[in-house]
Amino acid sequence: MELLYAISIAVLTGSGIWLLLRPRTFQVLMGLSLLSYAVNLFIFAMGRLSVNRAPFVAAGEPASLALYDDPLPQALVLTAIVISFATTALFLVVLLASRGLTGTDHVDGQEADD
């Protein structure tokens, strides 16, 4: 489970960095989104991964904080999702306005050969 989780974070990070290095602004925007997803998964993993465990303490077991998941990473990820959604919407509006003014979505303003 941890290996699959680590590989998915690595793939999202690698794809995001590759897209960030592309010349088109839409690809840069998608790269930023993929990187934010990778960071969200990483922060969420800090709250502990557990498989086949109940999310609550069963009757008869001693109540201990070690049996619960940490809610702070979950709250941070939820906040990051909302902020990244708003930032992506803002970037899209700026991208559309820039394309309307310049006629291209290239970062340097000139057409590339790809």
PDB file of N, CA and C in Angstrom:
ATOM      1  N   MET A   1       0.820  -1.190   0.000  1.00  0.00           N
ATOM      2  CA  MET A   1       0.000   0.000   0.000  1.00  0.00           C
ATOM      3  C   MET A   1       0.870   1.262   0.000  1.00  0.00           C
ATOM      4  N   GLU A   2       1.901   1.261   0.852  1.00  0.00           N
ATOM      5  CA  GLU A   2       2.771   2.432   0.924  1.00  0.00           C
ATOM      6  C   GLU A   2       3.554   2.618  -0.369  1.00  0.00           C
ATOM      7  N   LEU A   3       3.959   1.508  -0.980  1.00  0.00           N
ATOM      8  CA  LEU A   3       4.701   1.597  -2.238  1.00  0.00           C
ATOM      9  C   LEU A   3       3.837   2.186  -3.348  1.00  0.00           C
ATOM     10  N   LEU A   4       2.596   1.746  -3.446  1.00  0.00           N
ATOM     11  CA  LEU A   4       1.670   2.295  -4.437  1.00  0.00           C
ATOM     12  C   LEU A   4       1.434   3.781  -4.205  1.00  0.00           C
ATOM     13  N   TYR A   5       1.291   4.152  -2.955  1.00  0.00           N
ATOM     14  CA  TYR A   5       1.080   5.548  -2.596  1.00  0.00           C
ATOM     15  C   TYR A   5       2.299   6.393  -2.967  1.00  0.00           C
ATOM     16  N   ALA A   6       3.493   5.885  -2.661  1.00  0.00           N
ATOM     17  CA  ALA A   6       4.725   6.614  -2.975  1.00  0.00           C
ATOM     18  C   ALA A   6       4.928   6.732  -4.480  1.00  0.00           C
ATOM     19  N   ILE A   7       4.611   5.676  -5.221  1.00  0.00           N
ATOM     20  CA  ILE A   7       4.752   5.721  -6.682  1.00  0.00           C
ATOM     21  C   ILE A   7       3.777   6.721  -7.286  1.00  0.00           C
ATOM     22  N   SER A   8       2.559   6.769  -6.778  1.00  0.00           N
ATOM     23  CA  SER A   8       1.588   7.728  -7.321  1.00  0.00           C
ATOM     24  C   SER A   8       2.013   9.164  -7.031  1.00  0.00           C
ATOM     25  N   ILE A   9       2.571   9.413  -5.854  1.00  0.00           N
ATOM     26  CA  ILE A   9       3.078  10.755  -5.549  1.00  0.00           C
ATOM     27  C   ILE A   9       4.248  11.094  -6.474  1.00  0.00           C
ATOM     28  N   ALA A  10       5.128  10.127  -6.716  1.00  0.00           N
ATOM     29  CA  ALA A  10       6.280  10.367  -7.595  1.00  0.00           C
ATOM     30  C   ALA A  10       5.846  10.626  -9.031  1.00  0.00           C
ATOM     31  N   VAL A  11       4.865   9.883  -9.513  1.00  0.00           N
ATOM     32  CA  VAL A  11       4.378  10.088 -10.884  1.00  0.00           C
ATOM     33  C   VAL A  11       3.722  11.461 -11.024  1.00  0.00           C
ATOM     34  N   LEU A  12       2.905  11.838 -10.044  1.00  0.00           N
ATOM     35  CA  LEU A  12       2.275  13.159 -10.094  1.00  0.00           C
ATOM     36  C   LEU A  12       3.322  14.273 -10.040  1.00  0.00           C
ATOM     37  N   THR A  13       4.327  14.113  -9.191  1.00  0.00           N
ATOM     38  CA  THR A  13       5.374  15.125  -9.088  1.00  0.00           C
ATOM     39  C   THR A  13       6.187  15.216 -10.376  1.00  0.00           C
ATOM     40  N   GLY A  14       6.584  14.078 -10.921  1.00  0.00           N
ATOM     41  CA  GLY A  14       7.354  14.081 -12.171  1.00  0.00           C
ATOM     42  C   GLY A  14       6.575  14.663 -13.329  1.00  0.00           C
ATOM     43  N   SER A  15       5.312  14.283 -13.439  1.00  0.00           N
ATOM     44  CA  SER A  15       4.477  14.833 -14.520  1.00  0.00           C
ATOM     45  C   SER A  15       4.266  16.328 -14.345  1.00  0.00           C
ATOM     46  N   GLY A  16       4.076  16.757 -13.111  1.00  0.00           N
ATOM     47  CA  GLY A  16       3.881  18.183 -12.850  1.00  0.00           C
ATOM     48  C   GLY A  16       5.109  19.003 -13.192  1.00  0.00           C
ATOM     49  N   ILE A  17       6.291  18.502 -12.825  1.00  0.00           N
ATOM     50  CA  ILE A  17       7.523  19.222 -13.139  1.00  0.00           C
ATOM     51  C   ILE A  17       7.755  19.243 -14.644  1.00  0.00           C
ATOM     52  N   TRP A  18       7.476  18.130 -15.321  1.00  0.00           N
ATOM     53  CA  TRP A  18       7.645  18.090 -16.775  1.00  0.00           C
ATOM     54  C   TRP A  18       6.718  19.099 -17.446  1.00  0.00           C
ATOM     55  N   LEU A  19       5.479  19.191 -16.986  1.00  0.00           N
ATOM     56  CA  LEU A  19       4.543  20.146 -17.578  1.00  0.00           C
ATOM     57  C   LEU A  19       4.918  21.588 -17.229  1.00  0.00           C
ATOM     58  N   LEU A  20       5.517  21.813 -16.069  1.00  0.00           N
ATOM     59  CA  LEU A  20       5.946  23.166 -15.714  1.00  0.00           C
ATOM     60  C   LEU A  20       7.034  23.683 -16.649  1.00  0.00           C
ATOM     61  N   LEU A  21       7.803  22.790 -17.215  1.00  0.00           N
ATOM     62  CA  LEU A  21       8.897  23.193 -18.099  1.00  0.00           C
ATOM     63  C   LEU A  21       8.465  23.378 -19.549  1.00  0.00           C
ATOM     64  N   ARG A  22       7.197  23.181 -19.842  1.00  0.00           N
ATOM     65  CA  ARG A  22       6.670  23.354 -21.190  1.00  0.00           C
ATOM     66  C   ARG A  22       6.449  24.844 -21.465  1.00  0.00           C
ATOM     67  N   PRO A  23       6.445  25.264 -22.751  1.00  0.00           N
ATOM     68  CA  PRO A  23       6.338  26.688 -23.051  1.00  0.00           C
ATOM     69  C   PRO A  23       4.910  27.250 -23.021  1.00  0.00           C
ATOM     70  N   ARG A  24       3.917  26.418 -23.072  1.00  0.00           N
ATOM     71  CA  ARG A  24       2.542  26.928 -23.111  1.00  0.00           C
ATOM     72  C   ARG A  24       1.996  27.133 -21.705  1.00  0.00           C
ATOM     73  N   THR A  25       1.233  28.195 -21.532  1.00  0.00           N
ATOM     74  CA  THR A  25       0.737  28.534 -20.199  1.00  0.00           C
ATOM     75  C   THR A  25      -0.294  27.530 -19.694  1.00  0.00           C
ATOM     76  N   PHE A  26      -1.076  26.935 -20.573  1.00  0.00           N
ATOM     77  CA  PHE A  26      -2.047  25.937 -20.117  1.00  0.00           C
ATOM     78  C   PHE A  26      -1.338  24.709 -19.564  1.00  0.00           C
ATOM     79  N   GLN A  27      -0.238  24.311 -20.193  1.00  0.00           N
ATOM     80  CA  GLN A  27       0.533  23.176 -19.693  1.00  0.00           C
ATOM     81  C   GLN A  27       1.185  23.511 -18.358  1.00  0.00           C
ATOM     82  N   VAL A  28       1.629  24.736 -18.186  1.00  0.00           N
ATOM     83  CA  VAL A  28       2.180  25.169 -16.905  1.00  0.00           C
ATOM     84  C   VAL A  28       1.101  25.122 -15.835  1.00  0.00           C
ATOM     85  N   LEU A  29      -0.095  25.539 -16.179  1.00  0.00           N
ATOM     86  CA  LEU A  29      -1.215  25.500 -15.236  1.00  0.00           C
ATOM     87  C   LEU A  29      -1.552  24.068 -14.831  1.00  0.00           C
ATOM     88  N   MET A  30      -1.550  23.148 -15.782  1.00  0.00           N
ATOM     89  CA  MET A  30      -1.812  21.742 -15.456  1.00  0.00           C
ATOM     90  C   MET A  30      -0.680  21.148 -14.615  1.00  0.00           C
ATOM     91  N   GLY A  31       0.554  21.582 -14.877  1.00  0.00           N
ATOM     92  CA  GLY A  31       1.686  21.140 -14.072  1.00  0.00           C
ATOM     93  C   GLY A  31       1.573  21.596 -12.630  1.00  0.00           C
ATOM     94  N   LEU A  32       1.145  22.841 -12.435  1.00  0.00           N
ATOM     95  CA  LEU A  32       0.928  23.336 -11.075  1.00  0.00           C
ATOM     96  C   LEU A  32      -0.181  22.558 -10.378  1.00  0.00           C
ATOM     97  N   SER A  33      -1.224  22.217 -11.107  1.00  0.00           N
ATOM     98  CA  SER A  33      -2.312  21.432 -10.521  1.00  0.00           C
ATOM     99  C   SER A  33      -1.830  20.042 -10.106  1.00  0.00           C
ATOM    100  N   LEU A  34      -1.048  19.392 -10.971  1.00  0.00           N
ATOM    101  CA  LEU A  34      -0.533  18.067 -10.627  1.00  0.00           C
ATOM    102  C   LEU A  34       0.409  18.122  -9.429  1.00  0.00           C
ATOM    103  N   LEU A  35       1.227  19.163  -9.363  1.00  0.00           N
ATOM    104  CA  LEU A  35       2.105  19.309  -8.202  1.00  0.00           C
ATOM    105  C   LEU A  35       1.310  19.538  -6.923  1.00  0.00           C
ATOM    106  N   SER A  36       0.237  20.300  -7.002  1.00  0.00           N
ATOM    107  CA  SER A  36      -0.574  20.513  -5.802  1.00  0.00           C
ATOM    108  C   SER A  36      -1.263  19.217  -5.379  1.00  0.00           C
ATOM    109  N   TYR A  37      -1.672  18.382  -6.342  1.00  0.00           N
ATOM    110  CA  TYR A  37      -2.243  17.079  -5.986  1.00  0.00           C
ATOM    111  C   TYR A  37      -1.206  16.201  -5.296  1.00  0.00           C
ATOM    112  N   ALA A  38       0.023  16.228  -5.792  1.00  0.00           N
ATOM    113  CA  ALA A  38       1.084  15.424  -5.185  1.00  0.00           C
ATOM    114  C   ALA A  38       1.379  15.891  -3.759  1.00  0.00           C
ATOM    115  N   VAL A  39       1.414  17.191  -3.554  1.00  0.00           N
ATOM    116  CA  VAL A  39       1.654  17.715  -2.212  1.00  0.00           C
ATOM    117  C   VAL A  39       0.492  17.361  -1.289  1.00  0.00           C
ATOM    118  N   ASN A  40      -0.728  17.436  -1.794  1.00  0.00           N
ATOM    119  CA  ASN A  40      -1.889  17.060  -0.980  1.00  0.00           C
ATOM    120  C   ASN A  40      -1.822  15.594  -0.563  1.00  0.00           C
ATOM    121  N   LEU A  41      -1.455  14.722  -1.488  1.00  0.00           N
ATOM    122  CA  LEU A  41      -1.318  13.303  -1.142  1.00  0.00           C
ATOM    123  C   LEU A  41      -0.211  13.090  -0.117  1.00  0.00           C
ATOM    124  N   PHE A  42       0.885  13.820  -0.262  1.00  0.00           N
ATOM    125  CA  PHE A  42       1.987  13.689   0.677  1.00  0.00           C
ATOM    126  C   PHE A  42       1.564  14.148   2.072  1.00  0.00           C
ATOM    127  N   ILE A  43       0.901  15.287   2.168  1.00  0.00           N
ATOM    128  CA  ILE A  43       0.439  15.780   3.470  1.00  0.00           C
ATOM    129  C   ILE A  43      -0.578  14.819   4.069  1.00  0.00           C
ATOM    130  N   PHE A  44      -1.464  14.291   3.235  1.00  0.00           N
ATOM    131  CA  PHE A  44      -2.470  13.356   3.725  1.00  0.00           C
ATOM    132  C   PHE A  44      -1.819  12.083   4.256  1.00  0.00           C
ATOM    133  N   ALA A  45      -0.729  11.659   3.642  1.00  0.00           N
ATOM    134  CA  ALA A  45      -0.027  10.452   4.103  1.00  0.00           C
ATOM    135  C   ALA A  45       0.627  10.673   5.458  1.00  0.00           C
ATOM    136  N   MET A  46       0.921  11.914   5.798  1.00  0.00           N
ATOM    137  CA  MET A  46       1.537  12.181   7.095  1.00  0.00           C
ATOM    138  C   MET A  46       0.567  11.900   8.245  1.00  0.00           C
ATOM    139  N   GLY A  47      -0.710  11.789   7.954  1.00  0.00           N
ATOM    140  CA  GLY A  47      -1.697  11.494   8.985  1.00  0.00           C
ATOM    141  C   GLY A  47      -1.794  10.019   9.305  1.00  0.00           C
ATOM    142  N   ARG A  48      -0.983   9.190   8.713  1.00  0.00           N
ATOM    143  CA  ARG A  48      -0.881   7.745   8.927  1.00  0.00           C
ATOM    144  C   ARG A  48      -1.805   7.005   7.979  1.00  0.00           C
ATOM    145  N   LEU A  49      -1.238   6.018   7.306  1.00  0.00           N
ATOM    146  CA  LEU A  49      -2.006   5.138   6.445  1.00  0.00           C
ATOM    147  C   LEU A  49      -2.300   3.861   7.213  1.00  0.00           C
ATOM    148  N   SER A  50      -3.542   3.471   7.265  1.00  0.00           N
ATOM    149  CA  SER A  50      -3.891   2.212   7.917  1.00  0.00           C
ATOM    150  C   SER A  50      -4.932   1.497   7.065  1.00  0.00           C
ATOM    151  N   VAL A  51      -4.740   0.212   6.924  1.00  0.00           N
ATOM    152  CA  VAL A  51      -5.622  -0.603   6.110  1.00  0.00           C
ATOM    153  C   VAL A  51      -6.336  -1.600   7.024  1.00  0.00           C
ATOM    154  N   ASN A  52      -7.605  -1.827   6.765  1.00  0.00           N
ATOM    155  CA  ASN A  52      -8.418  -2.800   7.504  1.00  0.00           C
ATOM    156  C   ASN A  52      -8.478  -2.496   8.998  1.00  0.00           C
ATOM    157  N   ARG A  53      -8.561  -1.217   9.349  1.00  0.00           N
ATOM    158  CA  ARG A  53      -8.749  -0.811  10.740  1.00  0.00           C
ATOM    159  C   ARG A  53      -9.991   0.039  10.832  1.00  0.00           C
ATOM    160  N   ALA A  54     -10.678  -0.102  11.925  1.00  0.00           N
ATOM    161  CA  ALA A  54     -11.882   0.697  12.133  1.00  0.00           C
ATOM    162  C   ALA A  54     -11.493   2.152  12.392  1.00  0.00           C
ATOM    163  N   PRO A  55     -12.303   3.109  11.926  1.00  0.00           N
ATOM    164  CA  PRO A  55     -11.974   4.518  12.139  1.00  0.00           C
ATOM    165  C   PRO A  55     -12.299   5.000  13.552  1.00  0.00           C
ATOM    166  N   PHE A  56     -12.761   4.119  14.406  1.00  0.00           N
ATOM    167  CA  PHE A  56     -13.115   4.487  15.767  1.00  0.00           C
ATOM    168  C   PHE A  56     -12.617   3.401  16.718  1.00  0.00           C
ATOM    169  N   VAL A  57     -12.606   3.712  17.991  1.00  0.00           N
ATOM    170  CA  VAL A  57     -12.156   2.752  18.997  1.00  0.00           C
ATOM    171  C   VAL A  57     -13.323   1.833  19.329  1.00  0.00           C
ATOM    172  N   ALA A  58     -13.076   0.547  19.273  1.00  0.00           N
ATOM    173  CA  ALA A  58     -14.130  -0.435  19.555  1.00  0.00           C
ATOM    174  C   ALA A  58     -14.391  -0.499  21.055  1.00  0.00           C
ATOM    175  N   ALA A  59     -15.561  -0.983  21.403  1.00  0.00           N
ATOM    176  CA  ALA A  59     -15.930  -1.127  22.812  1.00  0.00           C
ATOM    177  C   ALA A  59     -15.019  -2.162  23.467  1.00  0.00           C
ATOM    178  N   GLY A  60     -14.595  -1.855  24.673  1.00  0.00           N
ATOM    179  CA  GLY A  60     -13.734  -2.776  25.406  1.00  0.00           C
ATOM    180  C   GLY A  60     -12.262  -2.474  25.255  1.00  0.00           C
ATOM    181  N   GLU A  61     -11.858  -1.667  24.258  1.00  0.00           N
ATOM    182  CA  GLU A  61     -10.463  -1.289  24.091  1.00  0.00           C
ATOM    183  C   GLU A  61     -10.183  -0.031  24.898  1.00  0.00           C
ATOM    184  N   PRO A  62      -8.983   0.091  25.406  1.00  0.00           N
ATOM    185  CA  PRO A  62      -8.669   1.317  26.150  1.00  0.00           C
ATOM    186  C   PRO A  62      -8.601   2.515  25.199  1.00  0.00           C
ATOM    187  N   ALA A  63      -9.127   3.635  25.628  1.00  0.00           N
ATOM    188  CA  ALA A  63      -9.116   4.848  24.807  1.00  0.00           C
ATOM    189  C   ALA A  63      -7.720   5.456  24.834  1.00  0.00           C
ATOM    190  N   SER A  64      -7.096   5.545  23.685  1.00  0.00           N
ATOM    191  CA  SER A  64      -5.752   6.095  23.571  1.00  0.00           C
ATOM    192  C   SER A  64      -5.674   6.919  22.292  1.00  0.00           C
ATOM    193  N   LEU A  65      -4.927   7.996  22.350  1.00  0.00           N
ATOM    194  CA  LEU A  65      -4.772   8.828  21.149  1.00  0.00           C
ATOM    195  C   LEU A  65      -3.989   8.123  20.058  1.00  0.00           C
ATOM    196  N   ALA A  66      -3.244   7.101  20.398  1.00  0.00           N
ATOM    197  CA  ALA A  66      -2.477   6.361  19.399  1.00  0.00           C
ATOM    198  C   ALA A  66      -3.380   5.565  18.469  1.00  0.00           C
ATOM    199  N   LEU A  67      -4.617   5.323  18.883  1.00  0.00           N
ATOM    200  CA  LEU A  67      -5.542   4.551  18.058  1.00  0.00           C
ATOM    201  C   LEU A  67      -6.272   5.406  17.023  1.00  0.00           C
ATOM    202  N   TYR A  68      -6.164   6.723  17.137  1.00  0.00           N
ATOM    203  CA  TYR A  68      -6.865   7.621  16.229  1.00  0.00           C
ATOM    204  C   TYR A  68      -5.917   8.156  15.165  1.00  0.00           C
ATOM    205  N   ASP A  69      -6.472   8.529  14.025  1.00  0.00           N
ATOM    206  CA  ASP A  69      -5.691   9.218  13.005  1.00  0.00           C
ATOM    207  C   ASP A  69      -5.562  10.679  13.378  1.00  0.00           C
ATOM    208  N   ASP A  70      -4.505  11.293  12.887  1.00  0.00           N
ATOM    209  CA  ASP A  70      -4.275  12.704  13.156  1.00  0.00           C
ATOM    210  C   ASP A  70      -5.178  13.539  12.244  1.00  0.00           C
ATOM    211  N   PRO A  71      -6.055  14.375  12.792  1.00  0.00           N
ATOM    212  CA  PRO A  71      -6.965  15.154  11.940  1.00  0.00           C
ATOM    213  C   PRO A  71      -6.323  16.386  11.304  1.00  0.00           C
ATOM    214  N   LEU A  72      -5.158  16.814  11.780  1.00  0.00           N
ATOM    215  CA  LEU A  72      -4.538  18.022  11.249  1.00  0.00           C
ATOM    216  C   LEU A  72      -4.156  17.905   9.777  1.00  0.00           C
ATOM    217  N   PRO A  73      -3.500  16.820   9.325  1.00  0.00           N
ATOM    218  CA  PRO A  73      -3.212  16.719   7.887  1.00  0.00           C
ATOM    219  C   PRO A  73      -4.478  16.686   7.038  1.00  0.00           C
ATOM    220  N   GLN A  74      -5.531  16.078   7.539  1.00  0.00           N
ATOM    221  CA  GLN A  74      -6.781  16.051   6.780  1.00  0.00           C
ATOM    222  C   GLN A  74      -7.353  17.458   6.636  1.00  0.00           C
ATOM    223  N   ALA A  75      -7.281  18.250   7.691  1.00  0.00           N
ATOM    224  CA  ALA A  75      -7.761  19.634   7.617  1.00  0.00           C
ATOM    225  C   ALA A  75      -6.889  20.468   6.689  1.00  0.00           C
ATOM    226  N   LEU A  76      -5.572  20.243   6.728  1.00  0.00           N
ATOM    227  CA  LEU A  76      -4.673  20.981   5.840  1.00  0.00           C
ATOM    228  C   LEU A  76      -4.931  20.651   4.376  1.00  0.00           C
ATOM    229  N   VAL A  77      -5.174  19.379   4.088  1.00  0.00           N
ATOM    230  CA  VAL A  77      -5.443  18.972   2.706  1.00  0.00           C
ATOM    231  C   VAL A  77      -6.767  19.559   2.229  1.00  0.00           C
ATOM    232  N   LEU A  78      -7.770  19.547   3.077  1.00  0.00           N
ATOM    233  CA  LEU A  78      -9.059  20.129   2.692  1.00  0.00           C
ATOM    234  C   LEU A  78      -8.907  21.616   2.385  1.00  0.00           C
ATOM    235  N   THR A  79      -8.162  22.328   3.199  1.00  0.00           N
ATOM    236  CA  THR A  79      -7.918  23.747   2.954  1.00  0.00           C
ATOM    237  C   THR A  79      -7.108  23.942   1.667  1.00  0.00           C
ATOM    238  N   ALA A  80      -6.125  23.100   1.441  1.00  0.00           N
ATOM    239  CA  ALA A  80      -5.297  23.215   0.235  1.00  0.00           C
ATOM    240  C   ALA A  80      -6.105  22.943  -1.024  1.00  0.00           C
ATOM    241  N   ILE A  81      -7.055  22.020  -0.956  1.00  0.00           N
ATOM    242  CA  ILE A  81      -7.904  21.738  -2.120  1.00  0.00           C
ATOM    243  C   ILE A  81      -8.727  22.961  -2.485  1.00  0.00           C
ATOM    244  N   VAL A  82      -9.301  23.604  -1.484  1.00  0.00           N
ATOM    245  CA  VAL A  82     -10.122  24.796  -1.740  1.00  0.00           C
ATOM    246  C   VAL A  82      -9.270  25.924  -2.309  1.00  0.00           C
ATOM    247  N   ILE A  83      -8.087  26.135  -1.734  1.00  0.00           N
ATOM    248  CA  ILE A  83      -7.216  27.204  -2.213  1.00  0.00           C
ATOM    249  C   ILE A  83      -6.722  26.911  -3.626  1.00  0.00           C
ATOM    250  N   SER A  84      -6.352  25.661  -3.908  1.00  0.00           N
ATOM    251  CA  SER A  84      -5.866  25.345  -5.255  1.00  0.00           C
ATOM    252  C   SER A  84      -6.977  25.444  -6.297  1.00  0.00           C
ATOM    253  N   PHE A  85      -8.207  25.126  -5.917  1.00  0.00           N
ATOM    254  CA  PHE A  85      -9.323  25.299  -6.852  1.00  0.00           C
ATOM    255  C   PHE A  85      -9.516  26.772  -7.195  1.00  0.00           C
ATOM    256  N   ALA A  86      -9.467  27.635  -6.191  1.00  0.00           N
ATOM    257  CA  ALA A  86      -9.630  29.070  -6.434  1.00  0.00           C
ATOM    258  C   ALA A  86      -8.461  29.622  -7.249  1.00  0.00           C
ATOM    259  N   THR A  87      -7.249  29.166  -6.953  1.00  0.00           N
ATOM    260  CA  THR A  87      -6.080  29.626  -7.698  1.00  0.00           C
ATOM    261  C   THR A  87      -6.130  29.165  -9.149  1.00  0.00           C
ATOM    262  N   THR A  88      -6.564  27.933  -9.380  1.00  0.00           N
ATOM    263  CA  THR A  88      -6.683  27.425 -10.745  1.00  0.00           C
ATOM    264  C   THR A  88      -7.733  28.214 -11.523  1.00  0.00           C
ATOM    265  N   ALA A  89      -8.848  28.534 -10.886  1.00  0.00           N
ATOM    266  CA  ALA A  89      -9.880  29.344 -11.551  1.00  0.00           C
ATOM    267  C   ALA A  89      -9.333  30.725 -11.905  1.00  0.00           C
ATOM    268  N   LEU A  90      -8.566  31.322 -10.992  1.00  0.00           N
ATOM    269  CA  LEU A  90      -7.972  32.625 -11.266  1.00  0.00           C
ATOM    270  C   LEU A  90      -6.972  32.536 -12.415  1.00  0.00           C
ATOM    271  N   PHE A  91      -6.124  31.500 -12.413  1.00  0.00           N
ATOM    272  CA  PHE A  91      -5.157  31.325 -13.500  1.00  0.00           C
ATOM    273  C   PHE A  91      -5.855  31.139 -14.841  1.00  0.00           C
ATOM    274  N   LEU A  92      -6.956  30.403 -14.858  1.00  0.00           N
ATOM    275  CA  LEU A  92      -7.688  30.214 -16.111  1.00  0.00           C
ATOM    276  C   LEU A  92      -8.263  31.523 -16.635  1.00  0.00           C
ATOM    277  N   VAL A  93      -8.769  32.360 -15.755  1.00  0.00           N
ATOM    278  CA  VAL A  93      -9.308  33.660 -16.177  1.00  0.00           C
ATOM    279  C   VAL A  93      -8.182  34.532 -16.735  1.00  0.00           C
ATOM    280  N   VAL A  94      -7.038  34.540 -16.055  1.00  0.00           N
ATOM    281  CA  VAL A  94      -5.903  35.322 -16.543  1.00  0.00           C
ATOM    282  C   VAL A  94      -5.400  34.755 -17.864  1.00  0.00           C
ATOM    283  N   LEU A  95      -5.383  33.436 -18.002  1.00  0.00           N
ATOM    284  CA  LEU A  95      -4.967  32.795 -19.249  1.00  0.00           C
ATOM    285  C   LEU A  95      -5.879  33.184 -20.396  1.00  0.00           C
ATOM    286  N   LEU A  96      -7.187  33.155 -20.175  1.00  0.00           N
ATOM    287  CA  LEU A  96      -8.128  33.530 -21.232  1.00  0.00           C
ATOM    288  C   LEU A  96      -8.011  35.007 -21.587  1.00  0.00           C
ATOM    289  N   ALA A  97      -7.799  35.866 -20.591  1.00  0.00           N
ATOM    290  CA  ALA A  97      -7.634  37.298 -20.873  1.00  0.00           C
ATOM    291  C   ALA A  97      -6.340  37.547 -21.641  1.00  0.00           C
ATOM    292  N   SER A  98      -5.276  36.857 -21.266  1.00  0.00           N
ATOM    293  CA  SER A  98      -3.999  37.018 -21.963  1.00  0.00           C
ATOM    294  C   SER A  98      -4.089  36.521 -23.397  1.00  0.00           C
ATOM    295  N   ARG A  99      -4.775  35.403 -23.585  1.00  0.00           N
ATOM    296  CA  ARG A  99      -4.934  34.877 -24.942  1.00  0.00           C
ATOM    297  C   ARG A  99      -5.791  35.816 -25.791  1.00  0.00           C
ATOM    298  N   GLY A 100      -6.788  36.434 -25.188  1.00  0.00           N
ATOM    299  CA  GLY A 100      -7.617  37.385 -25.925  1.00  0.00           C
ATOM    300  C   GLY A 100      -6.856  38.632 -26.328  1.00  0.00           C
ATOM    301  N   LEU A 101      -5.925  39.065 -25.473  1.00  0.00           N
ATOM    302  CA  LEU A 101      -5.158  40.272 -25.784  1.00  0.00           C
ATOM    303  C   LEU A 101      -4.020  40.016 -26.762  1.00  0.00           C
ATOM    304  N   THR A 102      -3.326  38.894 -26.599  1.00  0.00           N
ATOM    305  CA  THR A 102      -2.141  38.639 -27.415  1.00  0.00           C
ATOM    306  C   THR A 102      -2.409  37.697 -28.587  1.00  0.00           C
ATOM    307  N   GLY A 103      -3.455  36.890 -28.500  1.00  0.00           N
ATOM    308  CA  GLY A 103      -3.756  35.951 -29.560  1.00  0.00           C
ATOM    309  C   GLY A 103      -3.005  34.636 -29.462  1.00  0.00           C
ATOM    310  N   THR A 104      -2.209  34.446 -28.419  1.00  0.00           N
ATOM    311  CA  THR A 104      -1.462  33.207 -28.232  1.00  0.00           C
ATOM    312  C   THR A 104      -1.407  32.874 -26.742  1.00  0.00           C
ATOM    313  N   ASP A 105      -1.134  31.625 -26.454  1.00  0.00           N
ATOM    314  CA  ASP A 105      -1.006  31.242 -25.047  1.00  0.00           C
ATOM    315  C   ASP A 105       0.420  30.859 -24.703  1.00  0.00           C
ATOM    316  N   HIS A 106       1.367  31.314 -25.513  1.00  0.00           N
ATOM    317  CA  HIS A 106       2.771  31.041 -25.255  1.00  0.00           C
ATOM    318  C   HIS A 106       3.284  31.936 -24.156  1.00  0.00           C
ATOM    319  N   VAL A 107       4.239  31.450 -23.402  1.00  0.00           N
ATOM    320  CA  VAL A 107       4.814  32.227 -22.317  1.00  0.00           C
ATOM    321  C   VAL A 107       5.604  33.412 -22.848  1.00  0.00           C
ATOM    322  N   ASP A 108       6.403  33.188 -23.885  1.00  0.00           N
ATOM    323  CA  ASP A 108       7.221  34.258 -24.431  1.00  0.00           C
ATOM    324  C   ASP A 108       6.501  35.064 -25.523  1.00  0.00           C
ATOM    325  N   GLY A 109       5.281  34.675 -25.871  1.00  0.00           N
ATOM    326  CA  GLY A 109       4.508  35.418 -26.836  1.00  0.00           C
ATOM    327  C   GLY A 109       4.739  35.028 -28.278  1.00  0.00           C
ATOM    328  N   GLN A 110       5.638  34.070 -28.534  1.00  0.00           N
ATOM    329  CA  GLN A 110       5.910  33.617 -29.893  1.00  0.00           C
ATOM    330  C   GLN A 110       5.519  32.163 -30.037  1.00  0.00           C
ATOM    331  N   GLU A 111       5.124  31.799 -31.211  1.00  0.00           N
ATOM    332  CA  GLU A 111       4.708  30.421 -31.487  1.00  0.00           C
ATOM    333  C   GLU A 111       5.896  29.482 -31.445  1.00  0.00           C
ATOM    334  N   ALA A 112       5.692  28.298 -30.893  1.00  0.00           N
ATOM    335  CA  ALA A 112       6.767  27.292 -30.859  1.00  0.00           C
ATOM    336  C   ALA A 112       6.548  26.329 -32.022  1.00  0.00           C
ATOM    337  N   ASP A 113       7.545  25.502 -32.259  1.00  0.00           N
ATOM    338  CA  ASP A 113       7.475  24.559 -33.357  1.00  0.00           C
ATOM    339  C   ASP A 113       6.897  23.209 -32.947  1.00  0.00           C
ATOM    340  N   ASP A 114       6.407  23.047 -31.693  1.00  0.00           N
ATOM    341  CA  ASP A 114       5.861  21.753 -31.298  1.00  0.00           C
ATOM    342  C   ASP A 114       4.389  21.789 -31.488  1.00  0.00           C
TER     343      ASP A 114
END
